[in-house]
Amino acid sequence: MNGLNLGKKAQISVELIIVLAAVVALVLLLVSQLQETSKEGAKVIEEKSGKIFKEIDKI
């Protein structure tokens, strides 16, 4: 009876580790996507601000 209970605990632990690994993988994927988005946003802001400063220089 004691071995059966230990087996269930071990199975729950393995399942929990698998779920946690999947969550960590999703978080890493989201972080990498956010980094790419922020890089693209920074490029757009840099281009727009450059255009604005050129227009200001014309005035």
Protein backbone atom coordinates (compact mmCIF):
# COMPACT_ATOMS: atom_id res chain seq x y z
CA MET A 1 0.00 0.00 0.00
CA ASN A 2 2.84 2.35 0.80
CA GLY A 3 4.52 1.71 -2.58
CA LEU A 4 1.30 2.54 -4.44
CA ASN A 5 1.06 5.90 -2.68
CA LEU A 6 4.70 6.71 -3.49
CA GLY A 7 4.11 5.86 -7.16
CA LYS A 8 1.23 8.32 -7.36
CA LYS A 9 3.34 11.07 -5.80
CA ALA A 10 6.16 10.37 -8.23
CA GLN A 11 3.75 10.48 -11.18
CA ILE A 12 2.32 13.80 -10.01
CA SER A 13 5.84 15.18 -9.66
CA VAL A 14 6.80 14.12 -13.18
CA GLU A 15 3.61 15.61 -14.59
CA LEU A 16 4.23 18.83 -12.67
CA ILE A 17 7.78 19.03 -14.04
CA ILE A 18 6.48 18.56 -17.59
CA VAL A 19 3.86 21.28 -17.13
CA LEU A 20 6.42 23.65 -15.61
CA ALA A 21 8.82 22.99 -18.49
CA ALA A 22 6.07 23.82 -20.98
CA VAL A 23 5.25 27.05 -19.12
CA VAL A 24 8.92 28.06 -19.06
CA ALA A 25 9.20 27.36 -22.80
CA LEU A 26 6.14 29.54 -23.49
CA VAL A 27 7.52 32.36 -21.35
CA LEU A 28 10.85 32.23 -23.17
CA LEU A 29 9.05 32.31 -26.51
CA LEU A 30 6.99 35.32 -25.45
CA VAL A 31 10.05 37.15 -24.15
CA SER A 32 11.94 36.60 -27.39
CA GLN A 33 8.93 37.83 -29.39
CA LEU A 34 8.67 40.93 -27.21
CA GLN A 35 12.39 41.62 -27.69
CA GLU A 36 12.00 41.43 -31.46
CA THR A 37 8.97 43.71 -31.35
CA SER A 38 10.81 46.25 -29.21
CA LYS A 39 13.79 46.23 -31.60
CA GLU A 40 11.48 46.89 -34.54
CA GLY A 41 9.71 49.63 -32.60
CA ALA A 42 13.01 51.27 -31.72
CA LYS A 43 14.01 51.30 -35.40
CA VAL A 44 10.72 52.94 -36.39
CA ILE A 45 11.06 55.57 -33.66
CA GLU A 46 14.64 56.28 -34.70
CA GLU A 47 13.62 56.73 -38.35
CA LYS A 48 10.67 58.96 -37.46
CA SER A 49 12.71 61.12 -35.11
CA GLY A 50 15.41 61.47 -37.77
CA LYS A 51 12.80 62.70 -40.26
CA ILE A 52 11.40 65.12 -37.69
CA PHE A 53 14.85 66.58 -36.94
CA LYS A 54 15.51 66.99 -40.67
CA GLU A 55 12.24 68.89 -41.03
CA ILE A 56 13.15 71.05 -38.04
CA ASP A 57 16.54 71.81 -39.59
CA LYS A 58 14.77 73.01 -42.76
CA ILE A 59 12.86 75.57 -40.70
